[in-house]
Amino acid sequence: MKTLVPVVVLLLAGVGAVRAADVCVWNYDVLDRFYDPQVGDSIDCAYWVERTLTDQGHNVTLATQYLPADISGFDLVFCLMGWYRC
């Protein structure tokens, strides 16, 4: 996980430095919600990813449950698989 964060940051910085990107955020497990005290409500896994990308000026498409059949129109695709539950 520690090595994944810098890679994601570099990808976002590289895409953001060039132009606004078309990004697909695939939120596979839409029922996986947790309480975020900063928001004051329950949010899903995609909330902060989508919010950060939108705030940086990217065009975000949120896909739920199924990954779009054709992802060729996206510059970047995030696949969020949810949290591990026992």
PDB file of N, CA and C in Angstrom:
ATOM      1  N   MET A   1       0.823  -1.191   0.000  1.00  0.00           N
ATOM      2  CA  MET A   1       0.000   0.000   0.000  1.00  0.00           C
ATOM      3  C   MET A   1       0.866   1.252   0.000  1.00  0.00           C
ATOM      4  N   LYS A   2       1.994   1.212   0.727  1.00  0.00           N
ATOM      5  CA  LYS A   2       2.867   2.383   0.797  1.00  0.00           C
ATOM      6  C   LYS A   2       3.472   2.707  -0.560  1.00  0.00           C
ATOM      7  N   THR A   3       3.714   1.709  -1.381  1.00  0.00           N
ATOM      8  CA  THR A   3       4.286   1.969  -2.704  1.00  0.00           C
ATOM      9  C   THR A   3       3.217   2.370  -3.708  1.00  0.00           C
ATOM     10  N   LEU A   4       1.972   2.007  -3.451  1.00  0.00           N
ATOM     11  CA  LEU A   4       0.887   2.328  -4.358  1.00  0.00           C
ATOM     12  C   LEU A   4       0.521   3.808  -4.325  1.00  0.00           C
ATOM     13  N   VAL A   5       0.553   4.418  -3.166  1.00  0.00           N
ATOM     14  CA  VAL A   5       0.164   5.822  -3.028  1.00  0.00           C
ATOM     15  C   VAL A   5       1.048   6.745  -3.867  1.00  0.00           C
ATOM     16  N   PRO A   6       2.389   6.644  -3.811  1.00  0.00           N
ATOM     17  CA  PRO A   6       3.203   7.523  -4.661  1.00  0.00           C
ATOM     18  C   PRO A   6       2.961   7.306  -6.155  1.00  0.00           C
ATOM     19  N   VAL A   7       2.692   6.081  -6.558  1.00  0.00           N
ATOM     20  CA  VAL A   7       2.434   5.795  -7.970  1.00  0.00           C
ATOM     21  C   VAL A   7       1.148   6.488  -8.411  1.00  0.00           C
ATOM     22  N   VAL A   8       0.099   6.399  -7.598  1.00  0.00           N
ATOM     23  CA  VAL A   8      -1.170   7.047  -7.929  1.00  0.00           C
ATOM     24  C   VAL A   8      -0.992   8.561  -7.976  1.00  0.00           C
ATOM     25  N   VAL A   9      -0.245   9.111  -7.026  1.00  0.00           N
ATOM     26  CA  VAL A   9      -0.005  10.554  -7.001  1.00  0.00           C
ATOM     27  C   VAL A   9       0.741  10.994  -8.255  1.00  0.00           C
ATOM     28  N   LEU A  10       1.751  10.230  -8.660  1.00  0.00           N
ATOM     29  CA  LEU A  10       2.494  10.562  -9.872  1.00  0.00           C
ATOM     30  C   LEU A  10       1.614  10.485 -11.114  1.00  0.00           C
ATOM     31  N   LEU A  11       0.753   9.478 -11.175  1.00  0.00           N
ATOM     32  CA  LEU A  11      -0.158   9.363 -12.314  1.00  0.00           C
ATOM     33  C   LEU A  11      -1.100  10.562 -12.377  1.00  0.00           C
ATOM     34  N   LEU A  12      -1.658  10.921 -11.243  1.00  0.00           N
ATOM     35  CA  LEU A  12      -2.570  12.065 -11.215  1.00  0.00           C
ATOM     36  C   LEU A  12      -1.847  13.357 -11.564  1.00  0.00           C
ATOM     37  N   ALA A  13      -0.643  13.532 -11.054  1.00  0.00           N
ATOM     38  CA  ALA A  13       0.120  14.748 -11.345  1.00  0.00           C
ATOM     39  C   ALA A  13       0.503  14.809 -12.818  1.00  0.00           C
ATOM     40  N   GLY A  14       0.889  13.689 -13.386  1.00  0.00           N
ATOM     41  CA  GLY A  14       1.283  13.658 -14.797  1.00  0.00           C
ATOM     42  C   GLY A  14       0.124  13.939 -15.716  1.00  0.00           C
ATOM     43  N   VAL A  15      -1.016  13.338 -15.440  1.00  0.00           N
ATOM     44  CA  VAL A  15      -2.200  13.566 -16.265  1.00  0.00           C
ATOM     45  C   VAL A  15      -2.689  14.995 -16.080  1.00  0.00           C
ATOM     46  N   GLY A  16      -2.663  15.493 -14.848  1.00  0.00           N
ATOM     47  CA  GLY A  16      -3.144  16.844 -14.567  1.00  0.00           C
ATOM     48  C   GLY A  16      -2.266  17.929 -15.148  1.00  0.00           C
ATOM     49  N   ALA A  17      -0.977  17.662 -15.297  1.00  0.00           N
ATOM     50  CA  ALA A  17      -0.063  18.670 -15.822  1.00  0.00           C
ATOM     51  C   ALA A  17      -0.286  18.917 -17.312  1.00  0.00           C
ATOM     52  N   VAL A  18      -0.787  17.936 -18.025  1.00  0.00           N
ATOM     53  CA  VAL A  18      -0.958  18.049 -19.468  1.00  0.00           C
ATOM     54  C   VAL A  18      -2.295  18.712 -19.809  1.00  0.00           C
ATOM     55  N   ARG A  19      -3.390  18.155 -19.339  1.00  0.00           N
ATOM     56  CA  ARG A  19      -4.727  18.660 -19.652  1.00  0.00           C
ATOM     57  C   ARG A  19      -5.745  17.952 -18.766  1.00  0.00           C
ATOM     58  N   ALA A  20      -6.961  18.413 -18.838  1.00  0.00           N
ATOM     59  CA  ALA A  20      -8.031  17.724 -18.123  1.00  0.00           C
ATOM     60  C   ALA A  20      -8.245  16.362 -18.771  1.00  0.00           C
ATOM     61  N   ALA A  21      -8.258  15.326 -17.964  1.00  0.00           N
ATOM     62  CA  ALA A  21      -8.384  13.970 -18.482  1.00  0.00           C
ATOM     63  C   ALA A  21      -9.816  13.464 -18.338  1.00  0.00           C
ATOM     64  N   ASP A  22     -10.169  12.526 -19.192  1.00  0.00           N
ATOM     65  CA  ASP A  22     -11.432  11.804 -19.062  1.00  0.00           C
ATOM     66  C   ASP A  22     -11.140  10.560 -18.230  1.00  0.00           C
ATOM     67  N   VAL A  23     -11.722  10.510 -17.049  1.00  0.00           N
ATOM     68  CA  VAL A  23     -11.402   9.461 -16.080  1.00  0.00           C
ATOM     69  C   VAL A  23     -12.655   8.665 -15.757  1.00  0.00           C
ATOM     70  N   CYS A  24     -12.506   7.357 -15.714  1.00  0.00           N
ATOM     71  CA  CYS A  24     -13.581   6.476 -15.269  1.00  0.00           C
ATOM     72  C   CYS A  24     -13.214   5.955 -13.879  1.00  0.00           C
ATOM     73  N   VAL A  25     -14.114   6.141 -12.934  1.00  0.00           N
ATOM     74  CA  VAL A  25     -13.938   5.577 -11.595  1.00  0.00           C
ATOM     75  C   VAL A  25     -14.966   4.473 -11.453  1.00  0.00           C
ATOM     76  N   TRP A  26     -14.466   3.235 -11.418  1.00  0.00           N
ATOM     77  CA  TRP A  26     -15.353   2.083 -11.299  1.00  0.00           C
ATOM     78  C   TRP A  26     -15.470   1.721  -9.837  1.00  0.00           C
ATOM     79  N   ASN A  27     -16.642   1.965  -9.263  1.00  0.00           N
ATOM     80  CA  ASN A  27     -16.911   1.659  -7.866  1.00  0.00           C
ATOM     81  C   ASN A  27     -17.658   0.339  -7.818  1.00  0.00           C
ATOM     82  N   TYR A  28     -16.915  -0.754  -7.770  1.00  0.00           N
ATOM     83  CA  TYR A  28     -17.492  -2.092  -7.885  1.00  0.00           C
ATOM     84  C   TYR A  28     -18.482  -2.402  -6.766  1.00  0.00           C
ATOM     85  N   ASP A  29     -18.122  -2.082  -5.544  1.00  0.00           N
ATOM     86  CA  ASP A  29     -18.952  -2.445  -4.392  1.00  0.00           C
ATOM     87  C   ASP A  29     -19.669  -1.207  -3.862  1.00  0.00           C
ATOM     88  N   VAL A  30     -20.792  -0.858  -4.466  1.00  0.00           N
ATOM     89  CA  VAL A  30     -21.508   0.364  -4.087  1.00  0.00           C
ATOM     90  C   VAL A  30     -22.149   0.266  -2.704  1.00  0.00           C
ATOM     91  N   LEU A  31     -22.324  -0.933  -2.188  1.00  0.00           N
ATOM     92  CA  LEU A  31     -22.918  -1.099  -0.863  1.00  0.00           C
ATOM     93  C   LEU A  31     -21.887  -0.948   0.253  1.00  0.00           C
ATOM     94  N   ASP A  32     -20.626  -0.881  -0.102  1.00  0.00           N
ATOM     95  CA  ASP A  32     -19.555  -0.756   0.874  1.00  0.00           C
ATOM     96  C   ASP A  32     -19.406   0.717   1.260  1.00  0.00           C
ATOM     97  N   ARG A  33     -19.991   1.077   2.383  1.00  0.00           N
ATOM     98  CA  ARG A  33     -19.981   2.461   2.848  1.00  0.00           C
ATOM     99  C   ARG A  33     -19.382   2.507   4.247  1.00  0.00           C
ATOM    100  N   PHE A  34     -18.822   3.646   4.580  1.00  0.00           N
ATOM    101  CA  PHE A  34     -18.266   3.842   5.916  1.00  0.00           C
ATOM    102  C   PHE A  34     -18.453   5.295   6.324  1.00  0.00           C
ATOM    103  N   TYR A  35     -18.416   5.543   7.617  1.00  0.00           N
ATOM    104  CA  TYR A  35     -18.625   6.895   8.127  1.00  0.00           C
ATOM    105  C   TYR A  35     -17.332   7.693   8.027  1.00  0.00           C
ATOM    106  N   ASP A  36     -17.406   8.879   7.451  1.00  0.00           N
ATOM    107  CA  ASP A  36     -16.266   9.772   7.358  1.00  0.00           C
ATOM    108  C   ASP A  36     -16.584  11.018   8.181  1.00  0.00           C
ATOM    109  N   PRO A  37     -15.862  11.223   9.294  1.00  0.00           N
ATOM    110  CA  PRO A  37     -16.161  12.361  10.155  1.00  0.00           C
ATOM    111  C   PRO A  37     -15.914  13.712   9.470  1.00  0.00           C
ATOM    112  N   GLN A  38     -15.021  13.747   8.489  1.00  0.00           N
ATOM    113  CA  GLN A  38     -14.752  14.997   7.783  1.00  0.00           C
ATOM    114  C   GLN A  38     -15.964  15.426   6.955  1.00  0.00           C
ATOM    115  N   VAL A  39     -16.689  14.463   6.405  1.00  0.00           N
ATOM    116  CA  VAL A  39     -17.880  14.742   5.617  1.00  0.00           C
ATOM    117  C   VAL A  39     -19.107  14.838   6.527  1.00  0.00           C
ATOM    118  N   GLY A  40     -19.082  14.053   7.607  1.00  0.00           N
ATOM    119  CA  GLY A  40     -20.213  14.022   8.529  1.00  0.00           C
ATOM    120  C   GLY A  40     -21.315  13.090   8.094  1.00  0.00           C
ATOM    121  N   ASP A  41     -20.974  12.141   7.235  1.00  0.00           N
ATOM    122  CA  ASP A  41     -21.963  11.202   6.702  1.00  0.00           C
ATOM    123  C   ASP A  41     -21.242   9.944   6.229  1.00  0.00           C
ATOM    124  N   SER A  42     -22.011   8.962   5.819  1.00  0.00           N
ATOM    125  CA  SER A  42     -21.436   7.749   5.246  1.00  0.00           C
ATOM    126  C   SER A  42     -21.103   7.994   3.779  1.00  0.00           C
ATOM    127  N   ILE A  43     -19.943   7.519   3.363  1.00  0.00           N
ATOM    128  CA  ILE A  43     -19.511   7.672   1.978  1.00  0.00           C
ATOM    129  C   ILE A  43     -19.060   6.318   1.443  1.00  0.00           C
ATOM    130  N   ASP A  44     -18.950   6.213   0.131  1.00  0.00           N
ATOM    131  CA  ASP A  44     -18.445   4.980  -0.475  1.00  0.00           C
ATOM    132  C   ASP A  44     -16.972   5.141  -0.824  1.00  0.00           C
ATOM    133  N   CYS A  45     -16.383   4.090  -1.343  1.00  0.00           N
ATOM    134  CA  CYS A  45     -14.947   4.085  -1.642  1.00  0.00           C
ATOM    135  C   CYS A  45     -14.549   5.113  -2.694  1.00  0.00           C
ATOM    136  N   ALA A  46     -15.457   5.449  -3.569  1.00  0.00           N
ATOM    137  CA  ALA A  46     -15.135   6.337  -4.683  1.00  0.00           C
ATOM    138  C   ALA A  46     -15.238   7.819  -4.318  1.00  0.00           C
ATOM    139  N   TYR A  47     -15.793   8.143  -3.164  1.00  0.00           N
ATOM    140  CA  TYR A  47     -16.098   9.535  -2.839  1.00  0.00           C
ATOM    141  C   TYR A  47     -14.896  10.453  -2.969  1.00  0.00           C
ATOM    142  N   TRP A  48     -13.798  10.168  -2.263  1.00  0.00           N
ATOM    143  CA  TRP A  48     -12.648  11.077  -2.258  1.00  0.00           C
ATOM    144  C   TRP A  48     -11.865  11.018  -3.560  1.00  0.00           C
ATOM    145  N   VAL A  49     -11.838   9.877  -4.219  1.00  0.00           N
ATOM    146  CA  VAL A  49     -11.159   9.777  -5.520  1.00  0.00           C
ATOM    147  C   VAL A  49     -11.890  10.659  -6.537  1.00  0.00           C
ATOM    148  N   GLU A  50     -13.216  10.510  -6.595  1.00  0.00           N
ATOM    149  CA  GLU A  50     -14.015  11.310  -7.525  1.00  0.00           C
ATOM    150  C   GLU A  50     -13.928  12.805  -7.192  1.00  0.00           C
ATOM    151  N   ARG A  51     -13.997  13.121  -5.928  1.00  0.00           N
ATOM    152  CA  ARG A  51     -13.949  14.527  -5.492  1.00  0.00           C
ATOM    153  C   ARG A  51     -12.605  15.169  -5.843  1.00  0.00           C
ATOM    154  N   THR A  52     -11.510  14.459  -5.586  1.00  0.00           N
ATOM    155  CA  THR A  52     -10.179  14.993  -5.877  1.00  0.00           C
ATOM    156  C   THR A  52      -9.979  15.216  -7.366  1.00  0.00           C
ATOM    157  N   LEU A  53     -10.372  14.238  -8.174  1.00  0.00           N
ATOM    158  CA  LEU A  53     -10.224  14.376  -9.624  1.00  0.00           C
ATOM    159  C   LEU A  53     -11.077  15.514 -10.175  1.00  0.00           C
ATOM    160  N   THR A  54     -12.295  15.643  -9.687  1.00  0.00           N
ATOM    161  CA  THR A  54     -13.178  16.722 -10.131  1.00  0.00           C
ATOM    162  C   THR A  54     -12.615  18.081  -9.732  1.00  0.00           C
ATOM    163  N   ASP A  55     -12.111  18.187  -8.502  1.00  0.00           N
ATOM    164  CA  ASP A  55     -11.523  19.445  -8.038  1.00  0.00           C
ATOM    165  C   ASP A  55     -10.299  19.842  -8.856  1.00  0.00           C
ATOM    166  N   GLN A  56      -9.603  18.869  -9.436  1.00  0.00           N
ATOM    167  CA  GLN A  56      -8.433  19.153 -10.262  1.00  0.00           C
ATOM    168  C   GLN A  56      -8.819  19.455 -11.713  1.00  0.00           C
ATOM    169  N   GLY A  57     -10.108  19.433 -12.019  1.00  0.00           N
ATOM    170  CA  GLY A  57     -10.566  19.808 -13.346  1.00  0.00           C
ATOM    171  C   GLY A  57     -10.729  18.668 -14.332  1.00  0.00           C
ATOM    172  N   HIS A  58     -10.665  17.423 -13.852  1.00  0.00           N
ATOM    173  CA  HIS A  58     -10.829  16.283 -14.748  1.00  0.00           C
ATOM    174  C   HIS A  58     -12.310  15.954 -14.937  1.00  0.00           C
ATOM    175  N   ASN A  59     -12.627  15.324 -16.048  1.00  0.00           N
ATOM    176  CA  ASN A  59     -13.992  14.870 -16.333  1.00  0.00           C
ATOM    177  C   ASN A  59     -14.137  13.453 -15.796  1.00  0.00           C
ATOM    178  N   VAL A  60     -14.966  13.285 -14.783  1.00  0.00           N
ATOM    179  CA  VAL A  60     -15.087  11.995 -14.100  1.00  0.00           C
ATOM    180  C   VAL A  60     -16.417  11.345 -14.437  1.00  0.00           C
ATOM    181  N   THR A  61     -16.347  10.078 -14.845  1.00  0.00           N
ATOM    182  CA  THR A  61     -17.531   9.249 -15.043  1.00  0.00           C
ATOM    183  C   THR A  61     -17.498   8.172 -13.976  1.00  0.00           C
ATOM    184  N   LEU A  62     -18.548   8.107 -13.170  1.00  0.00           N
ATOM    185  CA  LEU A  62     -18.617   7.110 -12.108  1.00  0.00           C
ATOM    186  C   LEU A  62     -19.412   5.914 -12.612  1.00  0.00           C
ATOM    187  N   ALA A  63     -18.760   4.764 -12.674  1.00  0.00           N
ATOM    188  CA  ALA A  63     -19.416   3.526 -13.095  1.00  0.00           C
ATOM    189  C   ALA A  63     -19.654   2.675 -11.855  1.00  0.00           C
ATOM    190  N   THR A  64     -20.851   2.136 -11.709  1.00  0.00           N
ATOM    191  CA  THR A  64     -21.159   1.301 -10.552  1.00  0.00           C
ATOM    192  C   THR A  64     -21.472  -0.116 -11.005  1.00  0.00           C
ATOM    193  N   GLN A  65     -21.059  -1.033 -10.219  1.00  0.00           N
ATOM    194  CA  GLN A  65     -21.276  -2.464 -10.390  1.00  0.00           C
ATOM    195  C   GLN A  65     -20.563  -3.065 -11.600  1.00  0.00           C
ATOM    196  N   TYR A  66     -20.701  -2.482 -12.791  1.00  0.00           N
ATOM    197  CA  TYR A  66     -20.059  -3.049 -13.972  1.00  0.00           C
ATOM    198  C   TYR A  66     -19.107  -2.050 -14.618  1.00  0.00           C
ATOM    199  N   LEU A  67     -17.945  -2.536 -14.998  1.00  0.00           N
ATOM    200  CA  LEU A  67     -17.000  -1.728 -15.756  1.00  0.00           C
ATOM    201  C   LEU A  67     -17.584  -1.524 -17.152  1.00  0.00           C
ATOM    202  N   PRO A  68     -17.528  -0.311 -17.688  1.00  0.00           N
ATOM    203  CA  PRO A  68     -18.072  -0.096 -19.041  1.00  0.00           C
ATOM    204  C   PRO A  68     -17.428  -1.039 -20.055  1.00  0.00           C
ATOM    205  N   ALA A  69     -18.219  -1.489 -21.019  1.00  0.00           N
ATOM    206  CA  ALA A  69     -17.729  -2.423 -22.037  1.00  0.00           C
ATOM    207  C   ALA A  69     -16.635  -1.797 -22.888  1.00  0.00           C
ATOM    208  N   ASP A  70     -16.738  -0.506 -23.153  1.00  0.00           N
ATOM    209  CA  ASP A  70     -15.735   0.181 -23.961  1.00  0.00           C
ATOM    210  C   ASP A  70     -15.084   1.276 -23.119  1.00  0.00           C
ATOM    211  N   ILE A  71     -13.839   1.054 -22.737  1.00  0.00           N
ATOM    212  CA  ILE A  71     -13.121   2.050 -21.924  1.00  0.00           C
ATOM    213  C   ILE A  71     -12.088   2.812 -22.757  1.00  0.00           C
ATOM    214  N   SER A  72     -12.161   2.675 -24.066  1.00  0.00           N
ATOM    215  CA  SER A  72     -11.166   3.319 -24.921  1.00  0.00           C
ATOM    216  C   SER A  72     -11.264   4.844 -24.897  1.00  0.00           C
ATOM    217  N   GLY A  73     -12.391   5.384 -24.496  1.00  0.00           N
ATOM    218  CA  GLY A  73     -12.558   6.829 -24.450  1.00  0.00           C
ATOM    219  C   GLY A  73     -11.989   7.485 -23.197  1.00  0.00           C
ATOM    220  N   PHE A  74     -11.486   6.678 -22.279  1.00  0.00           N
ATOM    221  CA  PHE A  74     -10.954   7.211 -21.030  1.00  0.00           C
ATOM    222  C   PHE A  74      -9.426   7.267 -21.070  1.00  0.00           C
ATOM    223  N   ASP A  75      -8.885   8.319 -20.464  1.00  0.00           N
ATOM    224  CA  ASP A  75      -7.436   8.439 -20.341  1.00  0.00           C
ATOM    225  C   ASP A  75      -6.913   7.631 -19.160  1.00  0.00           C
ATOM    226  N   LEU A  76      -7.759   7.431 -18.172  1.00  0.00           N
ATOM    227  CA  LEU A  76      -7.363   6.756 -16.940  1.00  0.00           C
ATOM    228  C   LEU A  76      -8.574   6.052 -16.359  1.00  0.00           C
ATOM    229  N   VAL A  77      -8.386   4.850 -15.831  1.00  0.00           N
ATOM    230  CA  VAL A  77      -9.476   4.095 -15.211  1.00  0.00           C
ATOM    231  C   VAL A  77      -9.041   3.662 -13.817  1.00  0.00           C
ATOM    232  N   PHE A  78      -9.827   4.043 -12.827  1.00  0.00           N
ATOM    233  CA  PHE A  78      -9.606   3.589 -11.454  1.00  0.00           C
ATOM    234  C   PHE A  78     -10.597   2.472 -11.172  1.00  0.00           C
ATOM    235  N   CYS A  79     -10.099   1.339 -10.689  1.00  0.00           N
ATOM    236  CA  CYS A  79     -10.948   0.207 -10.330  1.00  0.00           C
ATOM    237  C   CYS A  79     -10.928   0.070  -8.812  1.00  0.00           C
ATOM    238  N   LEU A  80     -12.009   0.461  -8.169  1.00  0.00           N
ATOM    239  CA  LEU A  80     -12.101   0.404  -6.721  1.00  0.00           C
ATOM    240  C   LEU A  80     -12.916  -0.821  -6.341  1.00  0.00           C
ATOM    241  N   MET A  81     -12.283  -1.744  -5.641  1.00  0.00           N
ATOM    242  CA  MET A  81     -12.891  -3.022  -5.351  1.00  0.00           C
ATOM    243  C   MET A  81     -13.573  -3.096  -3.987  1.00  0.00           C
ATOM    244  N   GLY A  82     -13.555  -2.012  -3.219  1.00  0.00           N
ATOM    245  CA  GLY A  82     -14.193  -2.020  -1.901  1.00  0.00           C
ATOM    246  C   GLY A  82     -13.219  -2.426  -0.810  1.00  0.00           C
ATOM    247  N   TRP A  83     -13.751  -2.585   0.364  1.00  0.00           N
ATOM    248  CA  TRP A  83     -12.956  -2.946   1.534  1.00  0.00           C
ATOM    249  C   TRP A  83     -13.104  -4.424   1.815  1.00  0.00           C
ATOM    250  N   TYR A  84     -12.077  -5.041   2.373  1.00  0.00           N
ATOM    251  CA  TYR A  84     -12.138  -6.452   2.750  1.00  0.00           C
ATOM    252  C   TYR A  84     -12.990  -6.597   3.998  1.00  0.00           C
ATOM    253  N   ARG A  85     -13.991  -7.452   3.922  1.00  0.00           N
ATOM    254  CA  ARG A  85     -14.844  -7.737   5.087  1.00  0.00           C
ATOM    255  C   ARG A  85     -14.818  -9.233   5.347  1.00  0.00           C
ATOM    256  N   CYS A  86     -14.796  -9.580   6.601  1.00  0.00           N
ATOM    257  CA  CYS A  86     -14.842 -11.009   6.978  1.00  0.00           C
ATOM    258  C   CYS A  86     -16.269 -11.490   7.026  1.00  0.00           C
TER     259      CYS A  86
END
